[in-house]
PDB file of N, CA and C in Angstrom:
ATOM      1  N   UNK A   1      78.954 -90.407-141.789  1.00  0.00           N
ATOM      2  CA  UNK A   1      80.295 -90.969-141.801  1.00  0.00           C
ATOM      3  C   UNK A   1      81.040 -90.476-143.050  1.00  0.00           C
ATOM      4  N   UNK A   2      82.220 -89.942-142.849  1.00  0.00           N
ATOM      5  CA  UNK A   2      83.011 -89.411-143.969  1.00  0.00           C
ATOM      6  C   UNK A   2      83.623 -90.553-144.766  1.00  0.00           C
ATOM      7  N   UNK A   3      83.579 -90.416-146.098  1.00  0.00           N
ATOM      8  CA  UNK A   3      84.108 -91.439-146.994  1.00  0.00           C
ATOM      9  C   UNK A   3      85.487 -91.031-147.509  1.00  0.00           C
ATOM     10  N   UNK A   4      86.414 -91.998-147.475  1.00  0.00           N
ATOM     11  CA  UNK A   4      87.768 -91.760-147.963  1.00  0.00           C
ATOM     12  C   UNK A   4      88.137 -92.845-148.966  1.00  0.00           C
ATOM     13  N   UNK A   5      88.632 -92.416-150.134  1.00  0.00           N
ATOM     14  CA  UNK A   5      89.223 -93.361-151.076  1.00  0.00           C
ATOM     15  C   UNK A   5      90.717 -93.364-150.807  1.00  0.00           C
ATOM     16  N   UNK A   6      91.257 -94.564-150.559  1.00  0.00           N
ATOM     17  CA  UNK A   6      92.685 -94.730-150.296  1.00  0.00           C
ATOM     18  C   UNK A   6      93.293 -95.519-151.448  1.00  0.00           C
ATOM     19  N   UNK A   7      94.171 -94.867-152.210  1.00  0.00           N
ATOM     20  CA  UNK A   7      94.850 -95.505-153.335  1.00  0.00           C
ATOM     21  C   UNK A   7      96.282 -95.815-152.915  1.00  0.00           C
ATOM     22  N   UNK A   8      96.560 -97.086-152.721  1.00  0.00           N
ATOM     23  CA  UNK A   8      97.875 -97.502-152.198  1.00  0.00           C
ATOM     24  C   UNK A   8      98.179 -98.921-152.656  1.00  0.00           C
ATOM     25  N   UNK A   9      99.367 -99.137-153.203  1.00  0.00           N
ATOM     26  CA  UNK A   9      99.726-100.464-153.701  1.00  0.00           C
ATOM     27  C   UNK A   9     100.609-101.265-152.747  1.00  0.00           C
ATOM     28  N   UNK A  10     101.044-100.664-151.643  1.00  0.00           N
ATOM     29  CA  UNK A  10     101.854-101.380-150.654  1.00  0.00           C
ATOM     30  C   UNK A  10     100.910-101.988-149.614  1.00  0.00           C
ATOM     31  N   UNK A  11     100.791-103.316-149.611  1.00  0.00           N
ATOM     32  CA  UNK A  11      99.791-103.980-148.773  1.00  0.00           C
ATOM     33  C   UNK A  11     100.021-103.778-147.269  1.00  0.00           C
ATOM     34  N   UNK A  12     101.270-103.717-146.834  1.00  0.00           N
ATOM     35  CA  UNK A  12     101.556-103.517-145.410  1.00  0.00           C
ATOM     36  C   UNK A  12     101.152-102.104-144.989  1.00  0.00           C
ATOM     37  N   UNK A  13     101.556-101.111-145.779  1.00  0.00           N
ATOM     38  CA  UNK A  13     101.210 -99.719-145.503  1.00  0.00           C
ATOM     39  C   UNK A  13      99.692 -99.542-145.561  1.00  0.00           C
ATOM     40  N   UNK A  14      99.075-100.188-146.535  1.00  0.00           N
ATOM     41  CA  UNK A  14      97.625-100.121-146.713  1.00  0.00           C
ATOM     42  C   UNK A  14      96.898-100.624-145.466  1.00  0.00           C
ATOM     43  N   UNK A  15      97.343-101.745-144.932  1.00  0.00           N
ATOM     44  CA  UNK A  15      96.723-102.319-143.744  1.00  0.00           C
ATOM     45  C   UNK A  15      96.841-101.373-142.552  1.00  0.00           C
ATOM     46  N   UNK A  16      98.022-100.805-142.367  1.00  0.00           N
ATOM     47  CA  UNK A  16      98.266 -99.878-141.265  1.00  0.00           C
ATOM     48  C   UNK A  16      97.329 -98.667-141.350  1.00  0.00           C
ATOM     49  N   UNK A  17      97.269 -98.039-142.514  1.00  0.00           N
ATOM     50  CA  UNK A  17      96.431 -96.847-142.707  1.00  0.00           C
ATOM     51  C   UNK A  17      94.954 -97.215-142.571  1.00  0.00           C
ATOM     52  N   UNK A  18      94.589 -98.363-143.120  1.00  0.00           N
ATOM     53  CA  UNK A  18      93.187 -98.795-143.053  1.00  0.00           C
ATOM     54  C   UNK A  18      92.727 -98.954-141.594  1.00  0.00           C
ATOM     55  N   UNK A  19      93.536 -99.661-140.795  1.00  0.00           N
ATOM     56  CA  UNK A  19      93.189 -99.862-139.376  1.00  0.00           C
ATOM     57  C   UNK A  19      93.091 -98.528-138.647  1.00  0.00           C
ATOM     58  N   UNK A  20      94.029 -97.658-138.921  1.00  0.00           N
ATOM     59  CA  UNK A  20      94.079 -96.342-138.287  1.00  0.00           C
ATOM     60  C   UNK A  20      92.820 -95.524-138.610  1.00  0.00           C
ATOM     61  N   UNK A  21      92.461 -95.463-139.872  1.00  0.00           N
ATOM     62  CA  UNK A  21      91.328 -94.631-140.295  1.00  0.00           C
ATOM     63  C   UNK A  21      89.982 -95.238-139.899  1.00  0.00           C
ATOM     64  N   UNK A  22      89.874 -96.557-139.966  1.00  0.00           N
ATOM     65  CA  UNK A  22      88.616 -97.190-139.559  1.00  0.00           C
ATOM     66  C   UNK A  22      88.391 -97.001-138.059  1.00  0.00           C
ATOM     67  N   UNK A  23      89.481 -97.037-137.285  1.00  0.00           N
ATOM     68  CA  UNK A  23      89.391 -96.803-135.847  1.00  0.00           C
ATOM     69  C   UNK A  23      88.883 -95.383-135.561  1.00  0.00           C
ATOM     70  N   UNK A  24      89.228 -94.450-136.448  1.00  0.00           N
ATOM     71  CA  UNK A  24      88.784 -93.056-136.305  1.00  0.00           C
ATOM     72  C   UNK A  24      87.351 -92.847-136.806  1.00  0.00           C
ATOM     73  N   UNK A  25      86.758 -93.900-137.376  1.00  0.00           N
ATOM     74  CA  UNK A  25      85.361 -93.821-137.796  1.00  0.00           C
ATOM     75  C   UNK A  25      85.127 -93.429-139.248  1.00  0.00           C
ATOM     76  N   UNK A  26      86.159 -93.496-140.065  1.00  0.00           N
ATOM     77  CA  UNK A  26      85.985 -93.178-141.491  1.00  0.00           C
ATOM     78  C   UNK A  26      85.594 -94.429-142.265  1.00  0.00           C
ATOM     79  N   UNK A  27      84.796 -94.230-143.314  1.00  0.00           N
ATOM     80  CA  UNK A  27      84.435 -95.329-144.209  1.00  0.00           C
ATOM     81  C   UNK A  27      85.465 -95.340-145.337  1.00  0.00           C
ATOM     82  N   UNK A  28      86.177 -96.464-145.480  1.00  0.00           N
ATOM     83  CA  UNK A  28      87.267 -96.538-146.446  1.00  0.00           C
ATOM     84  C   UNK A  28      86.907 -97.339-147.683  1.00  0.00           C
ATOM     85  N   UNK A  29      87.367 -96.852-148.829  1.00  0.00           N
ATOM     86  CA  UNK A  29      87.264 -97.562-150.094  1.00  0.00           C
ATOM     87  C   UNK A  29      88.688 -97.719-150.592  1.00  0.00           C
ATOM     88  N   UNK A  30      89.123 -98.963-150.781  1.00  0.00           N
ATOM     89  CA  UNK A  30      90.521 -99.261-151.060  1.00  0.00           C
ATOM     90  C   UNK A  30      90.744 -99.528-152.543  1.00  0.00           C
ATOM     91  N   UNK A  31      91.768 -98.879-153.089  1.00  0.00           N
ATOM     92  CA  UNK A  31      92.184 -99.125-154.470  1.00  0.00           C
ATOM     93  C   UNK A  31      93.662 -99.498-154.455  1.00  0.00           C
ATOM     94  N   UNK A  32      93.994-100.633-155.086  1.00  0.00           N
ATOM     95  CA  UNK A  32      95.386-101.070-155.130  1.00  0.00           C
ATOM     96  C   UNK A  32      96.144-100.459-156.299  1.00  0.00           C
ATOM     97  N   UNK A  33      95.430 -99.748-157.157  1.00  0.00           N
ATOM     98  CA  UNK A  33      96.087 -99.074-158.278  1.00  0.00           C
ATOM     99  C   UNK A  33      95.279 -97.838-158.667  1.00  0.00           C
ATOM    100  N   UNK A  34      95.880 -97.001-159.503  1.00  0.00           N
ATOM    101  CA  UNK A  34      95.245 -95.740-159.874  1.00  0.00           C
ATOM    102  C   UNK A  34      93.981 -95.890-160.692  1.00  0.00           C
ATOM    103  N   UNK A  35      93.927 -96.930-161.520  1.00  0.00           N
ATOM    104  CA  UNK A  35      92.733 -97.161-162.347  1.00  0.00           C
ATOM    105  C   UNK A  35      91.528 -97.443-161.447  1.00  0.00           C
ATOM    106  N   UNK A  36      91.735 -98.315-160.460  1.00  0.00           N
ATOM    107  CA  UNK A  36      90.663 -98.644-159.504  1.00  0.00           C
ATOM    108  C   UNK A  36      90.303 -97.416-158.661  1.00  0.00           C
ATOM    109  N   UNK A  37      91.318 -96.595-158.332  1.00  0.00           N
ATOM    110  CA  UNK A  37      91.067 -95.378-157.549  1.00  0.00           C
ATOM    111  C   UNK A  37      90.092 -94.463-158.281  1.00  0.00           C
ATOM    112  N   UNK A  38      90.325 -94.266-159.572  1.00  0.00           N
ATOM    113  CA  UNK A  38      89.441 -93.403-160.372  1.00  0.00           C
ATOM    114  C   UNK A  38      88.021 -93.974-160.396  1.00  0.00           C
ATOM    115  N   UNK A  39      87.907 -95.296-160.560  1.00  0.00           N
ATOM    116  CA  UNK A  39      86.577 -95.940-160.566  1.00  0.00           C
ATOM    117  C   UNK A  39      85.859 -95.705-159.237  1.00  0.00           C
ATOM    118  N   UNK A  40      86.594 -95.871-158.122  1.00  0.00           N
ATOM    119  CA  UNK A  40      85.987 -95.673-156.796  1.00  0.00           C
ATOM    120  C   UNK A  40      85.609 -94.216-156.556  1.00  0.00           C
ATOM    121  N   UNK A  41      86.453 -93.299-156.998  1.00  0.00           N
ATOM    122  CA  UNK A  41      86.169 -91.865-156.830  1.00  0.00           C
ATOM    123  C   UNK A  41      84.892 -91.502-157.577  1.00  0.00           C
ATOM    124  N   UNK A  42      84.766 -92.013-158.798  1.00  0.00           N
ATOM    125  CA  UNK A  42      83.570 -91.723-159.595  1.00  0.00           C
ATOM    126  C   UNK A  42      82.324 -92.365-158.992  1.00  0.00           C
ATOM    127  N   UNK A  43      82.463 -93.561-158.433  1.00  0.00           N
ATOM    128  CA  UNK A  43      81.310 -94.283-157.886  1.00  0.00           C
ATOM    129  C   UNK A  43      80.900 -93.802-156.499  1.00  0.00           C
ATOM    130  N   UNK A  44      81.865 -93.436-155.658  1.00  0.00           N
ATOM    131  CA  UNK A  44      81.588 -93.150-154.253  1.00  0.00           C
ATOM    132  C   UNK A  44      81.512 -91.669-153.895  1.00  0.00           C
ATOM    133  N   UNK A  45      82.021 -90.793-154.744  1.00  0.00           N
ATOM    134  CA  UNK A  45      82.078 -89.354-154.460  1.00  0.00           C
ATOM    135  C   UNK A  45      82.578 -89.114-153.024  1.00  0.00           C
ATOM    136  N   UNK A  46      83.842 -89.486-152.758  1.00  0.00           N
ATOM    137  CA  UNK A  46      84.361 -89.421-151.379  1.00  0.00           C
ATOM    138  C   UNK A  46      84.544 -87.995-150.870  1.00  0.00           C
ATOM    139  N   UNK A  47      84.681 -87.874-149.544  1.00  0.00           N
ATOM    140  CA  UNK A  47      84.952 -86.585-148.902  1.00  0.00           C
ATOM    141  C   UNK A  47      86.440 -86.251-148.949  1.00  0.00           C
ATOM    142  N   UNK A  48      87.276 -87.285-149.147  1.00  0.00           N
ATOM    143  CA  UNK A  48      88.725 -87.108-149.163  1.00  0.00           C
ATOM    144  C   UNK A  48      89.352 -88.225-149.983  1.00  0.00           C
ATOM    145  N   UNK A  49      90.456 -87.898-150.659  1.00  0.00           N
ATOM    146  CA  UNK A  49      91.217 -88.887-151.417  1.00  0.00           C
ATOM    147  C   UNK A  49      92.637 -88.907-150.867  1.00  0.00           C
ATOM    148  N   UNK A  50      93.122 -90.110-150.529  1.00  0.00           N
ATOM    149  CA  UNK A  50      94.515 -90.310-150.140  1.00  0.00           C
ATOM    150  C   UNK A  50      95.138 -91.134-151.257  1.00  0.00           C
ATOM    151  N   UNK A  51      96.201 -90.636-151.873  1.00  0.00           N
ATOM    152  CA  UNK A  51      96.790 -91.384-152.975  1.00  0.00           C
ATOM    153  C   UNK A  51      98.308 -91.445-152.916  1.00  0.00           C
ATOM    154  N   UNK A  52      98.807 -92.607-153.270  1.00  0.00           N
ATOM    155  CA  UNK A  52     100.230 -92.794-153.482  1.00  0.00           C
ATOM    156  C   UNK A  52     100.529 -92.241-154.883  1.00  0.00           C
ATOM    157  N   UNK A  53     101.805 -92.026-155.202  1.00  0.00           N
ATOM    158  CA  UNK A  53     102.132 -91.559-156.553  1.00  0.00           C
ATOM    159  C   UNK A  53     102.453 -92.720-157.484  1.00  0.00           C
ATOM    160  N   UNK A  54     103.382 -93.577-157.062  1.00  0.00           N
ATOM    161  CA  UNK A  54     103.821 -94.681-157.915  1.00  0.00           C
ATOM    162  C   UNK A  54     102.897 -95.882-157.751  1.00  0.00           C
ATOM    163  N   UNK A  55     102.006 -96.085-158.750  1.00  0.00           N
ATOM    164  CA  UNK A  55     101.084 -97.222-158.728  1.00  0.00           C
ATOM    165  C   UNK A  55     100.974 -97.787-160.131  1.00  0.00           C
ATOM    166  N   UNK A  56     100.468 -99.011-160.224  1.00  0.00           N
ATOM    167  CA  UNK A  56     100.268 -99.638-161.524  1.00  0.00           C
ATOM    168  C   UNK A  56      99.153 -98.950-162.306  1.00  0.00           C
ATOM    169  N   UNK A  57      99.241 -99.053-163.615  1.00  0.00           N
ATOM    170  CA  UNK A  57      98.243 -98.588-164.581  1.00  0.00           C
ATOM    171  C   UNK A  57      98.110 -97.071-164.658  1.00  0.00           C
ATOM    172  N   UNK A  58      97.739 -96.458-163.542  1.00  0.00           N
ATOM    173  CA  UNK A  58      97.538 -95.006-163.505  1.00  0.00           C
ATOM    174  C   UNK A  58      98.257 -94.480-162.263  1.00  0.00           C
ATOM    175  N   UNK A  59      99.083 -93.443-162.426  1.00  0.00           N
ATOM    176  CA  UNK A  59      99.831 -92.903-161.281  1.00  0.00           C
ATOM    177  C   UNK A  59      98.938 -92.006-160.423  1.00  0.00           C
ATOM    178  N   UNK A  60      99.415 -91.728-159.219  1.00  0.00           N
ATOM    179  CA  UNK A  60      98.694 -90.811-158.342  1.00  0.00           C
ATOM    180  C   UNK A  60      98.571 -89.424-158.951  1.00  0.00           C
ATOM    181  N   UNK A  61      99.586 -89.010-159.704  1.00  0.00           N
ATOM    182  CA  UNK A  61      99.518 -87.705-160.375  1.00  0.00           C
ATOM    183  C   UNK A  61      98.385 -87.696-161.388  1.00  0.00           C
ATOM    184  N   UNK A  62      98.219 -88.805-162.099  1.00  0.00           N
ATOM    185  CA  UNK A  62      97.121 -88.905-163.071  1.00  0.00           C
ATOM    186  C   UNK A  62      95.763 -88.931-162.364  1.00  0.00           C
ATOM    187  N   UNK A  63      95.722 -89.535-161.182  1.00  0.00           N
ATOM    188  CA  UNK A  63      94.480 -89.542-160.390  1.00  0.00           C
ATOM    189  C   UNK A  63      94.108 -88.104-160.027  1.00  0.00           C
ATOM    190  N   UNK A  64      95.081 -87.330-159.536  1.00  0.00           N
ATOM    191  CA  UNK A  64      94.830 -85.928-159.175  1.00  0.00           C
ATOM    192  C   UNK A  64      94.320 -85.159-160.392  1.00  0.00           C
ATOM    193  N   UNK A  65      95.013 -85.317-161.511  1.00  0.00           N
ATOM    194  CA  UNK A  65      94.637 -84.626-162.739  1.00  0.00           C
ATOM    195  C   UNK A  65      93.213 -84.999-163.176  1.00  0.00           C
ATOM    196  N   UNK A  66      92.871 -86.274-163.078  1.00  0.00           N
ATOM    197  CA  UNK A  66      91.538 -86.739-163.475  1.00  0.00           C
ATOM    198  C   UNK A  66      90.456 -86.101-162.594  1.00  0.00           C
ATOM    199  N   UNK A  67      90.699 -86.077-161.297  1.00  0.00           N
ATOM    200  CA  UNK A  67      89.717 -85.501-160.357  1.00  0.00           C
ATOM    201  C   UNK A  67      89.511 -84.014-160.665  1.00  0.00           C
ATOM    202  N   UNK A  68      90.600 -83.296-160.873  1.00  0.00           N
ATOM    203  CA  UNK A  68      90.505 -81.844-161.079  1.00  0.00           C
ATOM    204  C   UNK A  68      90.049 -81.460-162.493  1.00  0.00           C
ATOM    205  N   UNK A  69      90.566 -82.142-163.511  1.00  0.00           N
ATOM    206  CA  UNK A  69      90.331 -81.702-164.889  1.00  0.00           C
ATOM    207  C   UNK A  69      89.221 -82.431-165.627  1.00  0.00           C
ATOM    208  N   UNK A  70      88.984 -83.697-165.287  1.00  0.00           N
ATOM    209  CA  UNK A  70      87.936 -84.456-165.963  1.00  0.00           C
ATOM    210  C   UNK A  70      86.647 -84.409-165.146  1.00  0.00           C
ATOM    211  N   UNK A  71      86.752 -84.757-163.865  1.00  0.00           N
ATOM    212  CA  UNK A  71      85.562 -84.758-163.005  1.00  0.00           C
ATOM    213  C   UNK A  71      85.198 -83.354-162.520  1.00  0.00           C
ATOM    214  N   UNK A  72      86.167 -82.427-162.603  1.00  0.00           N
ATOM    215  CA  UNK A  72      85.966 -81.031-162.150  1.00  0.00           C
ATOM    216  C   UNK A  72      85.536 -80.965-160.690  1.00  0.00           C
ATOM    217  N   UNK A  73      86.132 -81.825-159.863  1.00  0.00           N
ATOM    218  CA  UNK A  73      85.790 -81.869-158.435  1.00  0.00           C
ATOM    219  C   UNK A  73      86.884 -81.209-157.611  1.00  0.00           C
ATOM    220  N   UNK A  74      86.472 -80.620-156.483  1.00  0.00           N
ATOM    221  CA  UNK A  74      87.423 -79.987-155.557  1.00  0.00           C
ATOM    222  C   UNK A  74      87.631 -80.856-154.313  1.00  0.00           C
ATOM    223  N   UNK A  75      87.339 -82.151-154.428  1.00  0.00           N
ATOM    224  CA  UNK A  75      87.546 -83.083-153.325  1.00  0.00           C
ATOM    225  C   UNK A  75      88.976 -82.939-152.800  1.00  0.00           C
ATOM    226  N   UNK A  76      89.161 -82.784-151.489  1.00  0.00           N
ATOM    227  CA  UNK A  76      90.524 -82.675-150.953  1.00  0.00           C
ATOM    228  C   UNK A  76      91.348 -83.931-151.255  1.00  0.00           C
ATOM    229  N   UNK A  77      92.608 -83.716-151.625  1.00  0.00           N
ATOM    230  CA  UNK A  77      93.511 -84.818-151.961  1.00  0.00           C
ATOM    231  C   UNK A  77      94.797 -84.670-151.152  1.00  0.00           C
ATOM    232  N   UNK A  78      95.146 -85.743-150.436  1.00  0.00           N
ATOM    233  CA  UNK A  78      96.434 -85.798-149.743  1.00  0.00           C
ATOM    234  C   UNK A  78      97.283 -86.860-150.422  1.00  0.00           C
ATOM    235  N   UNK A  79      98.478 -86.470-150.844  1.00  0.00           N
ATOM    236  CA  UNK A  79      99.411 -87.399-151.472  1.00  0.00           C
ATOM    237  C   UNK A  79     100.293 -88.007-150.389  1.00  0.00           C
ATOM    238  N   UNK A  80     100.417 -89.340-150.412  1.00  0.00           N
ATOM    239  CA  UNK A  80     101.286 -90.068-149.486  1.00  0.00           C
ATOM    240  C   UNK A  80     102.342 -90.751-150.349  1.00  0.00           C
ATOM    241  N   UNK A  81     103.593 -90.321-150.243  1.00  0.00           N
ATOM    242  CA  UNK A  81     104.581 -90.878-151.155  1.00  0.00           C
ATOM    243  C   UNK A  81     105.961 -90.996-150.545  1.00  0.00           C
ATOM    244  N   UNK A  82     106.641 -92.081-150.921  1.00  0.00           N
ATOM    245  CA  UNK A  82     108.032 -92.266-150.523  1.00  0.00           C
ATOM    246  C   UNK A  82     108.932 -91.408-151.402  1.00  0.00           C
ATOM    247  N   UNK A  83     108.384 -90.930-152.500  1.00  0.00           N
ATOM    248  CA  UNK A  83     109.155 -90.075-153.398  1.00  0.00           C
ATOM    249  C   UNK A  83     108.949 -88.635-152.966  1.00  0.00           C
ATOM    250  N   UNK A  84     109.782 -88.178-152.053  1.00  0.00           N
ATOM    251  CA  UNK A  84     109.612 -86.842-151.509  1.00  0.00           C
ATOM    252  C   UNK A  84     110.448 -85.795-152.219  1.00  0.00           C
ATOM    253  N   UNK A  85     110.878 -86.109-153.445  1.00  0.00           N
ATOM    254  CA  UNK A  85     111.679 -85.133-154.175  1.00  0.00           C
ATOM    255  C   UNK A  85     110.863 -83.870-154.381  1.00  0.00           C
ATOM    256  N   UNK A  86     111.566 -82.760-154.295  1.00  0.00           N
ATOM    257  CA  UNK A  86     110.913 -81.457-154.428  1.00  0.00           C
ATOM    258  C   UNK A  86     110.087 -81.372-155.705  1.00  0.00           C
ATOM    259  N   UNK A  87     110.615 -81.895-156.792  1.00  0.00           N
ATOM    260  CA  UNK A  87     109.927 -81.847-158.090  1.00  0.00           C
ATOM    261  C   UNK A  87     108.565 -82.562-158.024  1.00  0.00           C
ATOM    262  N   UNK A  88     108.532 -83.714-157.340  1.00  0.00           N
ATOM    263  CA  UNK A  88     107.289 -84.481-157.221  1.00  0.00           C
ATOM    264  C   UNK A  88     106.274 -83.757-156.336  1.00  0.00           C
ATOM    265  N   UNK A  89     106.761 -83.148-155.266  1.00  0.00           N
ATOM    266  CA  UNK A  89     105.891 -82.391-154.356  1.00  0.00           C
ATOM    267  C   UNK A  89     105.266 -81.220-155.114  1.00  0.00           C
ATOM    268  N   UNK A  90     106.091 -80.477-155.834  1.00  0.00           N
ATOM    269  CA  UNK A  90     105.606 -79.313-156.595  1.00  0.00           C
ATOM    270  C   UNK A  90     104.615 -79.748-157.668  1.00  0.00           C
ATOM    271  N   UNK A  91     104.916 -80.845-158.377  1.00  0.00           N
ATOM    272  CA  UNK A  91     104.016 -81.339-159.426  1.00  0.00           C
ATOM    273  C   UNK A  91     102.660 -81.727-158.825  1.00  0.00           C
ATOM    274  N   UNK A  92     102.689 -82.365-157.643  1.00  0.00           N
ATOM    275  CA  UNK A  92     101.434 -82.752-156.978  1.00  0.00           C
ATOM    276  C   UNK A  92     100.583 -81.529-156.667  1.00  0.00           C
ATOM    277  N   UNK A  93     101.224 -80.495-156.116  1.00  0.00           N
ATOM    278  CA  UNK A  93     100.483 -79.269-155.790  1.00  0.00           C
ATOM    279  C   UNK A  93     100.014 -78.545-157.051  1.00  0.00           C
ATOM    280  N   UNK A  94     100.843 -78.523-158.081  1.00  0.00           N
ATOM    281  CA  UNK A  94     100.465 -77.880-159.346  1.00  0.00           C
ATOM    282  C   UNK A  94      99.225 -78.530-159.946  1.00  0.00           C
ATOM    283  N   UNK A  95      99.112 -79.843-159.783  1.00  0.00           N
ATOM    284  CA  UNK A  95      97.961 -80.569-160.335  1.00  0.00           C
ATOM    285  C   UNK A  95      96.709 -80.405-159.478  1.00  0.00           C
ATOM    286  N   UNK A  96      96.883 -79.933-158.235  1.00  0.00           N
ATOM    287  CA  UNK A  96      95.704 -79.673-157.404  1.00  0.00           C
ATOM    288  C   UNK A  96      95.645 -80.418-156.092  1.00  0.00           C
ATOM    289  N   UNK A  97      96.735 -81.083-155.681  1.00  0.00           N
ATOM    290  CA  UNK A  97      96.734 -81.750-154.369  1.00  0.00           C
ATOM    291  C   UNK A  97      96.642 -80.702-153.269  1.00  0.00           C
ATOM    292  N   UNK A  98      96.011 -81.067-152.154  1.00  0.00           N
ATOM    293  CA  UNK A  98      95.872 -80.152-151.020  1.00  0.00           C
ATOM    294  C   UNK A  98      96.993 -80.303-150.006  1.00  0.00           C
ATOM    295  N   UNK A  99      97.596 -81.494-149.969  1.00  0.00           N
ATOM    296  CA  UNK A  99      98.640 -81.750-148.979  1.00  0.00           C
ATOM    297  C   UNK A  99      99.529 -82.872-149.492  1.00  0.00           C
ATOM    298  N   UNK A 100     100.717 -82.988-148.916  1.00  0.00           N
ATOM    299  CA  UNK A 100     101.691 -83.996-149.325  1.00  0.00           C
ATOM    300  C   UNK A 100     102.406 -84.490-148.080  1.00  0.00           C
ATOM    301  N   UNK A 101     102.424 -85.802-147.876  1.00  0.00           N
ATOM    302  CA  UNK A 101     103.156 -86.387-146.756  1.00  0.00           C
ATOM    303  C   UNK A 101     104.123 -87.431-147.271  1.00  0.00           C
ATOM    304  N   UNK A 102     105.371 -87.328-146.846  1.00  0.00           N
ATOM    305  CA  UNK A 102     106.364 -88.314-147.232  1.00  0.00           C
ATOM    306  C   UNK A 102     106.262 -89.559-146.366  1.00  0.00           C
ATOM    307  N   UNK A 103     106.591 -90.704-146.956  1.00  0.00           N
ATOM    308  CA  UNK A 103     106.646 -91.961-146.211  1.00  0.00           C
ATOM    309  C   UNK A 103     108.098 -92.196-145.812  1.00  0.00           C
ATOM    310  N   UNK A 104     108.373 -92.832-144.693  1.00  0.00           N
ATOM    311  CA  UNK A 104     107.368 -93.283-143.723  1.00  0.00           C
ATOM    312  C   UNK A 104     106.711 -92.096-143.038  1.00  0.00           C
ATOM    313  N   UNK A 105     105.433 -92.221-142.756  1.00  0.00           N
ATOM    314  CA  UNK A 105     104.741 -91.082-142.153  1.00  0.00           C
ATOM    315  C   UNK A 105     104.342 -91.366-140.720  1.00  0.00           C
ATOM    316  N   UNK A 106     104.085 -90.291-140.011  1.00  0.00           N
ATOM    317  CA  UNK A 106     103.640 -90.368-138.623  1.00  0.00           C
ATOM    318  C   UNK A 106     102.116 -90.523-138.646  1.00  0.00           C
ATOM    319  N   UNK A 107     101.598 -91.673-138.158  1.00  0.00           N
ATOM    320  CA  UNK A 107     100.152 -91.911-138.202  1.00  0.00           C
ATOM    321  C   UNK A 107      99.330 -90.823-137.513  1.00  0.00           C
ATOM    322  N   UNK A 108      99.809 -90.330-136.370  1.00  0.00           N
ATOM    323  CA  UNK A 108      99.059 -89.284-135.658  1.00  0.00           C
ATOM    324  C   UNK A 108      99.010 -87.999-136.468  1.00  0.00           C
ATOM    325  N   UNK A 109     100.104 -87.687-137.154  1.00  0.00           N
ATOM    326  CA  UNK A 109     100.130 -86.489-137.995  1.00  0.00           C
ATOM    327  C   UNK A 109      99.149 -86.633-139.153  1.00  0.00           C
ATOM    328  N   UNK A 110      99.070 -87.836-139.728  1.00  0.00           N
ATOM    329  CA  UNK A 110      98.121 -88.071-140.818  1.00  0.00           C
ATOM    330  C   UNK A 110      96.693 -87.816-140.339  1.00  0.00           C
ATOM    331  N   UNK A 111      96.332 -88.347-139.182  1.00  0.00           N
ATOM    332  CA  UNK A 111      94.985 -88.151-138.625  1.00  0.00           C
ATOM    333  C   UNK A 111      94.708 -86.663-138.413  1.00  0.00           C
ATOM    334  N   UNK A 112      95.665 -85.947-137.872  1.00  0.00           N
ATOM    335  CA  UNK A 112      95.494 -84.500-137.645  1.00  0.00           C
ATOM    336  C   UNK A 112      95.249 -83.782-138.957  1.00  0.00           C
ATOM    337  N   UNK A 113      96.044 -84.111-139.972  1.00  0.00           N
ATOM    338  CA  UNK A 113      95.882 -83.454-141.287  1.00  0.00           C
ATOM    339  C   UNK A 113      94.526 -83.782-141.908  1.00  0.00           C
ATOM    340  N   UNK A 114      94.088 -85.040-141.775  1.00  0.00           N
ATOM    341  CA  UNK A 114      92.786 -85.442-142.322  1.00  0.00           C
ATOM    342  C   UNK A 114      91.664 -84.681-141.613  1.00  0.00           C
ATOM    343  N   UNK A 115      91.719 -84.644-140.289  1.00  0.00           N
ATOM    344  CA  UNK A 115      90.668 -83.944-139.539  1.00  0.00           C
ATOM    345  C   UNK A 115      90.633 -82.459-139.882  1.00  0.00           C
ATOM    346  N   UNK A 116      91.806 -81.849-140.079  1.00  0.00           N
ATOM    347  CA  UNK A 116      91.865 -80.435-140.427  1.00  0.00           C
ATOM    348  C   UNK A 116      91.215 -80.167-141.784  1.00  0.00           C
ATOM    349  N   UNK A 117      91.422 -81.071-142.724  1.00  0.00           N
ATOM    350  CA  UNK A 117      90.827 -80.901-144.061  1.00  0.00           C
ATOM    351  C   UNK A 117      89.331 -81.172-144.060  1.00  0.00           C
ATOM    352  N   UNK A 118      88.883 -82.124-143.244  1.00  0.00           N
ATOM    353  CA  UNK A 118      87.473 -82.535-143.274  1.00  0.00           C
ATOM    354  C   UNK A 118      86.568 -81.772-142.314  1.00  0.00           C
ATOM    355  N   UNK A 119      87.041 -80.691-141.751  1.00  0.00           N
ATOM    356  CA  UNK A 119      86.225 -79.904-140.820  1.00  0.00           C
ATOM    357  C   UNK A 119      84.967 -79.423-141.520  1.00  0.00           C
TER     358      UNK A 119
END
């Protein structure tokens, strides 16, 4: 079973994504903020990381940077963000994100992107 760390502070969005991914058979580890996301990533060594950008304590950008520069891991990272400004998208990719989806997102498209990365 593939493990996914989901870092998301919006409880409604979190519930929707959680139900969707669990239905697809993924094992989910939920972090409501970036600090918890880093702890879960270090503890669980997930197959994929889904992260929001704007979160308490540690931002999604800092999570990406930590995974790539501190942990030195190539774990695939998909950014899910309502902040779809070009600057934020470019910064996410520069830090090492594999994909970026703006919110609101299409759940079926998210599943397709996840499956494509986890092949």
